[in-house]
Amino acid sequence: MQLHQFRHSAFCEKVRLVLAVKRLPYTVVEVTPGLGQLALFRLSGQRQVPVLVDGSEVIADSSAIALYLESNHPSPALLPADPGERARVLLLEDWADTALAAGCRLALVHAAATDPVLRSALLPDSTPGPLRQLVSNLPSEVMGSVGEAFDSMLGAGERQRLLANLEQLAVLADAQPCLVGSSLSLADVAVAAQLGLLLFPASSGAPLAGCGVSGIADHPLLQSLFSWRDRILAEVAAA
């Protein structure tokens, strides 16, 4: 199998976690923004990652890939057999991929606008050194304007909503080892992947590991949530 991805995409991380849980071997094709996406379009009919190629099968979208892998490699299961629990898992996965993903992405972009180290580290690995340096050294007044633009997109109300959702998520994570039932599920994987945009885990490597969104990554009420995320990642690695 081949996974066409952007390394720092939370949706690609979600697929990598599913593949890891199921212990499936695969190779990574890192897509270069722009020209690489044209090649991806010829392969899959769309420009977005992730895309999984499994023999003659080409599957786009992280949820479609997860369901494909669950169907073709059912053990260990990431969807419960119980219909009620299965429904809760799929609802949480959809929330993670939509509302949570949108809030996390905007919060990260805002943070990157004011943090040159984070901004440079998020560039694709194939980015030429001079361009990486240029992005890192963009004048503070330019990036301040970008930050203001994202402030208007992620206003105080949206940020408070994201924080409130994360605090409620922390309560769920504190109450039980997994978000639904007693076993790791697609809900845990989807949520853990998105949380990686707010506080990058050790697996992100230098210089991203430990970097995050100020005011969220260091929020005292959310430390248990990030600890839960790290435990889920460790459980996946040991699966």
Protein backbone atom coordinates (compact mmCIF):
# COMPACT_ATOMS: atom_id res chain seq x y z
CA MET A 1 0.00 0.00 0.00
CA GLN A 2 1.03 3.60 -0.64
CA LEU A 3 -0.13 6.56 1.42
CA HIS A 4 0.01 9.89 -0.43
CA GLN A 5 0.18 12.53 2.27
CA PHE A 6 1.28 15.82 3.76
CA ARG A 7 3.39 14.93 6.77
CA HIS A 8 1.77 17.43 9.14
CA SER A 9 -1.84 16.91 8.04
CA ALA A 10 -3.99 15.68 10.94
CA PHE A 11 -6.09 13.66 8.49
CA CYS A 12 -2.96 11.90 7.22
CA GLU A 13 -1.92 11.27 10.81
CA LYS A 14 -5.34 9.71 11.40
CA VAL A 15 -4.76 7.27 8.53
CA ARG A 16 -1.22 6.51 9.72
CA LEU A 17 -2.64 5.66 13.15
CA VAL A 18 -5.24 3.33 11.65
CA LEU A 19 -2.54 1.59 9.60
CA ALA A 20 -0.38 1.28 12.72
CA VAL A 21 -3.21 -0.20 14.81
CA LYS A 22 -3.80 -2.81 12.14
CA ARG A 23 -0.06 -3.41 11.66
CA LEU A 24 -0.28 -2.93 7.92
CA PRO A 25 2.92 -2.21 5.98
CA TYR A 26 2.88 0.76 3.64
CA THR A 27 5.12 3.28 1.97
CA VAL A 28 4.73 7.04 2.13
CA VAL A 29 4.57 9.35 -0.87
CA GLU A 30 5.06 12.91 0.36
CA VAL A 31 2.99 15.17 -1.89
CA THR A 32 4.59 18.46 -2.88
CA PRO A 33 2.03 21.28 -2.74
CA GLY A 34 1.24 22.51 -6.24
CA LEU A 35 2.85 20.22 -8.80
CA GLY A 36 2.53 17.17 -6.59
CA GLN A 37 -1.17 17.79 -6.23
CA LEU A 38 -1.57 17.76 -10.01
CA ALA A 39 -0.09 14.26 -10.05
CA LEU A 40 -2.42 13.34 -7.20
CA PHE A 41 -5.37 14.60 -9.23
CA ARG A 42 -4.40 12.35 -12.14
CA LEU A 43 -4.23 9.44 -9.72
CA SER A 44 -7.36 10.01 -7.64
CA GLY A 45 -9.49 12.64 -9.36
CA GLN A 46 -8.98 15.19 -6.58
CA ARG A 47 -6.11 17.18 -5.06
CA GLN A 48 -6.60 16.58 -1.35
CA VAL A 49 -4.65 14.21 0.87
CA PRO A 50 -4.70 11.58 2.20
CA VAL A 51 -5.02 9.12 -0.67
CA LEU A 52 -4.39 5.41 -0.16
CA VAL A 53 -3.41 3.17 -3.06
CA ASP A 54 -3.93 -0.53 -2.43
CA GLY A 55 -3.26 -2.47 -5.62
CA SER A 56 -5.89 -1.33 -8.09
CA GLU A 57 -7.89 0.46 -5.39
CA VAL A 58 -7.44 4.23 -4.95
CA ILE A 59 -9.24 5.63 -1.91
CA ALA A 60 -9.40 9.33 -0.99
CA ASP A 61 -10.58 10.92 2.29
CA SER A 62 -9.44 9.77 5.73
CA SER A 63 -12.86 8.44 6.78
CA ALA A 64 -13.30 6.48 3.55
CA ILE A 65 -9.79 5.06 3.97
CA ALA A 66 -10.47 4.10 7.59
CA LEU A 67 -13.70 2.31 6.63
CA TYR A 68 -11.95 0.58 3.72
CA LEU A 69 -9.21 -0.70 6.02
CA GLU A 70 -11.75 -1.72 8.66
CA SER A 71 -13.66 -3.73 6.06
CA ASN A 72 -10.62 -5.39 4.52
CA HIS A 73 -8.56 -5.81 7.70
CA PRO A 74 -11.15 -6.16 10.48
CA SER A 75 -8.74 -7.17 13.26
CA PRO A 76 -8.08 -5.43 15.54
CA ALA A 77 -11.41 -3.69 15.16
CA LEU A 78 -11.70 0.09 15.42
CA LEU A 79 -15.49 0.04 15.12
CA PRO A 80 -17.47 -1.68 17.90
CA ALA A 81 -19.86 -4.50 17.08
CA ASP A 82 -22.55 -2.97 19.31
CA PRO A 83 -24.74 -0.70 17.10
CA GLY A 84 -25.10 2.02 19.77
CA GLU A 85 -21.38 2.21 20.47
CA ARG A 86 -20.61 2.09 16.76
CA ALA A 87 -22.94 5.06 16.18
CA ARG A 88 -21.24 7.05 18.97
CA VAL A 89 -17.81 6.30 17.50
CA LEU A 90 -18.84 7.47 14.04
CA LEU A 91 -20.48 10.64 15.43
CA LEU A 92 -17.34 11.53 17.40
CA GLU A 93 -15.16 10.81 14.38
CA ASP A 94 -17.28 13.14 12.25
CA TRP A 95 -17.13 15.87 14.92
CA ALA A 96 -13.34 15.50 15.12
CA ASP A 97 -13.02 15.74 11.33
CA THR A 98 -15.27 18.81 11.03
CA ALA A 99 -15.81 21.15 13.99
CA LEU A 100 -12.70 20.15 15.97
CA ALA A 101 -10.52 20.10 12.84
CA ALA A 102 -11.64 23.58 11.75
CA GLY A 103 -10.94 25.11 15.16
CA CYS A 104 -7.56 23.38 15.54
CA ARG A 105 -6.44 24.35 12.03
CA LEU A 106 -7.28 28.04 12.45
CA ALA A 107 -5.69 28.14 15.91
CA LEU A 108 -2.49 26.61 14.50
CA VAL A 109 -2.33 28.99 11.54
CA HIS A 110 -2.77 31.94 13.90
CA ALA A 111 0.03 30.62 16.12
CA ALA A 112 2.32 30.08 13.12
CA ALA A 113 1.75 33.67 12.00
CA THR A 114 3.47 34.91 15.15
CA ASP A 115 6.03 32.11 15.69
CA PRO A 116 8.82 31.92 13.05
CA VAL A 117 10.12 28.55 14.30
CA LEU A 118 6.68 26.97 14.05
CA ARG A 119 6.04 28.63 10.68
CA SER A 120 9.26 27.25 9.18
CA ALA A 121 8.86 23.79 10.72
CA LEU A 122 5.41 23.34 9.16
CA LEU A 123 6.75 23.75 5.63
CA PRO A 124 7.08 20.56 3.55
CA ASP A 125 10.42 18.77 3.90
CA SER A 126 11.07 19.42 0.21
CA THR A 127 10.98 23.22 0.71
CA PRO A 128 14.32 24.70 -0.46
CA GLY A 129 16.48 26.13 2.30
CA PRO A 130 16.40 29.74 1.01
CA LEU A 131 12.60 29.72 0.81
CA ARG A 132 12.34 28.21 4.29
CA GLN A 133 14.61 30.96 5.61
CA LEU A 134 12.58 33.61 3.81
CA VAL A 135 9.34 32.39 5.37
CA SER A 136 10.94 32.27 8.79
CA ASN A 137 12.28 35.81 8.44
CA LEU A 138 9.12 37.50 7.20
CA PRO A 139 8.83 40.90 8.89
CA SER A 140 6.84 40.97 12.10
CA GLU A 141 4.55 43.72 10.76
CA VAL A 142 3.61 41.50 7.79
CA MET A 143 2.91 38.50 9.99
CA GLY A 144 1.09 40.74 12.46
CA SER A 145 -1.34 41.62 9.67
CA VAL A 146 -1.78 37.93 8.91
CA GLY A 147 -2.43 37.29 12.58
CA GLU A 148 -5.06 40.01 12.65
CA ALA A 149 -6.74 38.47 9.61
CA PHE A 150 -6.96 35.13 11.37
CA ASP A 151 -8.15 36.85 14.53
CA SER A 152 -11.15 37.97 12.50
CA MET A 153 -11.70 34.38 11.30
CA LEU A 154 -11.11 32.80 14.72
CA GLY A 155 -12.68 35.49 16.86
CA ALA A 156 -12.93 35.46 20.62
CA GLY A 157 -16.19 33.54 20.42
CA GLU A 158 -14.72 30.81 18.20
CA ARG A 159 -11.64 30.46 20.38
CA GLN A 160 -13.79 30.21 23.49
CA ARG A 161 -15.93 27.58 21.76
CA LEU A 162 -12.82 25.58 20.89
CA LEU A 163 -11.57 25.83 24.47
CA ALA A 164 -14.96 24.83 25.85
CA ASN A 165 -15.08 21.79 23.54
CA LEU A 166 -11.57 20.79 24.55
CA GLU A 167 -12.42 21.13 28.25
CA GLN A 168 -15.46 18.88 27.79
CA LEU A 169 -13.31 16.44 25.84
CA ALA A 170 -10.85 16.42 28.75
CA VAL A 171 -13.70 15.48 31.10
CA LEU A 172 -14.60 12.54 28.82
CA ALA A 173 -10.98 11.43 28.58
CA ASP A 174 -10.59 11.62 32.38
CA ALA A 175 -13.72 9.55 32.95
CA GLN A 176 -12.63 6.49 30.96
CA PRO A 177 -9.60 5.16 29.06
CA CYS A 178 -11.31 5.41 25.67
CA LEU A 179 -13.94 7.83 24.40
CA VAL A 180 -16.43 5.07 23.61
CA GLY A 181 -16.48 1.74 25.42
CA SER A 182 -13.38 0.08 26.81
CA SER A 183 -11.39 -0.46 23.62
CA LEU A 184 -9.48 1.82 21.29
CA SER A 185 -11.74 3.01 18.48
CA LEU A 186 -11.77 5.22 15.42
CA ALA A 187 -13.10 8.04 17.65
CA ASP A 188 -9.93 7.97 19.76
CA VAL A 189 -7.72 7.91 16.67
CA ALA A 190 -9.56 10.80 14.96
CA VAL A 191 -9.54 13.03 18.05
CA ALA A 192 -5.90 12.26 18.91
CA ALA A 193 -4.82 13.16 15.38
CA GLN A 194 -6.47 16.59 15.54
CA LEU A 195 -5.01 17.34 18.98
CA GLY A 196 -1.58 17.01 17.40
CA LEU A 197 -2.12 20.39 15.73
CA LEU A 198 -2.50 22.08 19.12
CA LEU A 199 0.50 20.44 20.81
CA PHE A 200 2.83 18.47 18.57
CA PRO A 201 3.74 15.05 20.03
CA ALA A 202 7.25 13.63 20.29
CA SER A 203 6.67 11.64 17.09
CA SER A 204 6.61 14.94 15.14
CA GLY A 205 10.39 15.18 15.56
CA ALA A 206 12.55 18.28 15.91
CA PRO A 207 11.84 21.15 15.88
CA LEU A 208 8.06 20.62 16.08
CA ALA A 209 7.89 18.21 19.04
CA GLY A 210 6.58 20.09 22.03
CA CYS A 211 5.58 23.16 20.01
CA GLY A 212 1.97 24.20 20.16
CA VAL A 213 -0.68 26.87 20.27
CA SER A 214 -0.08 29.26 23.14
CA GLY A 215 -3.02 29.48 25.51
CA ILE A 216 -4.19 25.98 24.55
CA ALA A 217 -1.11 23.73 24.63
CA ASP A 218 -0.21 25.18 28.03
CA HIS A 219 -3.77 25.53 29.37
CA PRO A 220 -3.85 23.93 32.87
CA LEU A 221 -7.28 22.35 32.35
CA LEU A 222 -6.14 20.64 29.15
CA GLN A 223 -2.96 18.95 30.35
CA SER A 224 -4.82 15.74 31.15
CA LEU A 225 -6.29 15.77 27.63
CA PHE A 226 -2.85 15.97 26.02
CA SER A 227 -1.66 13.24 28.40
CA TRP A 228 -4.61 11.12 27.22
CA ARG A 229 -3.56 11.85 23.62
CA ASP A 230 -0.02 10.71 24.35
CA ARG A 231 -1.33 7.53 25.96
CA ILE A 232 -3.45 6.77 22.89
CA LEU A 233 -0.40 7.28 20.64
CA ALA A 234 1.65 4.98 22.86
CA GLU A 235 -1.10 2.35 22.77
CA VAL A 236 -1.19 2.54 18.98
CA ALA A 237 2.59 2.20 18.78
CA ALA A 238 2.44 -0.88 20.99
CA ALA A 239 -0.53 -2.45 19.17
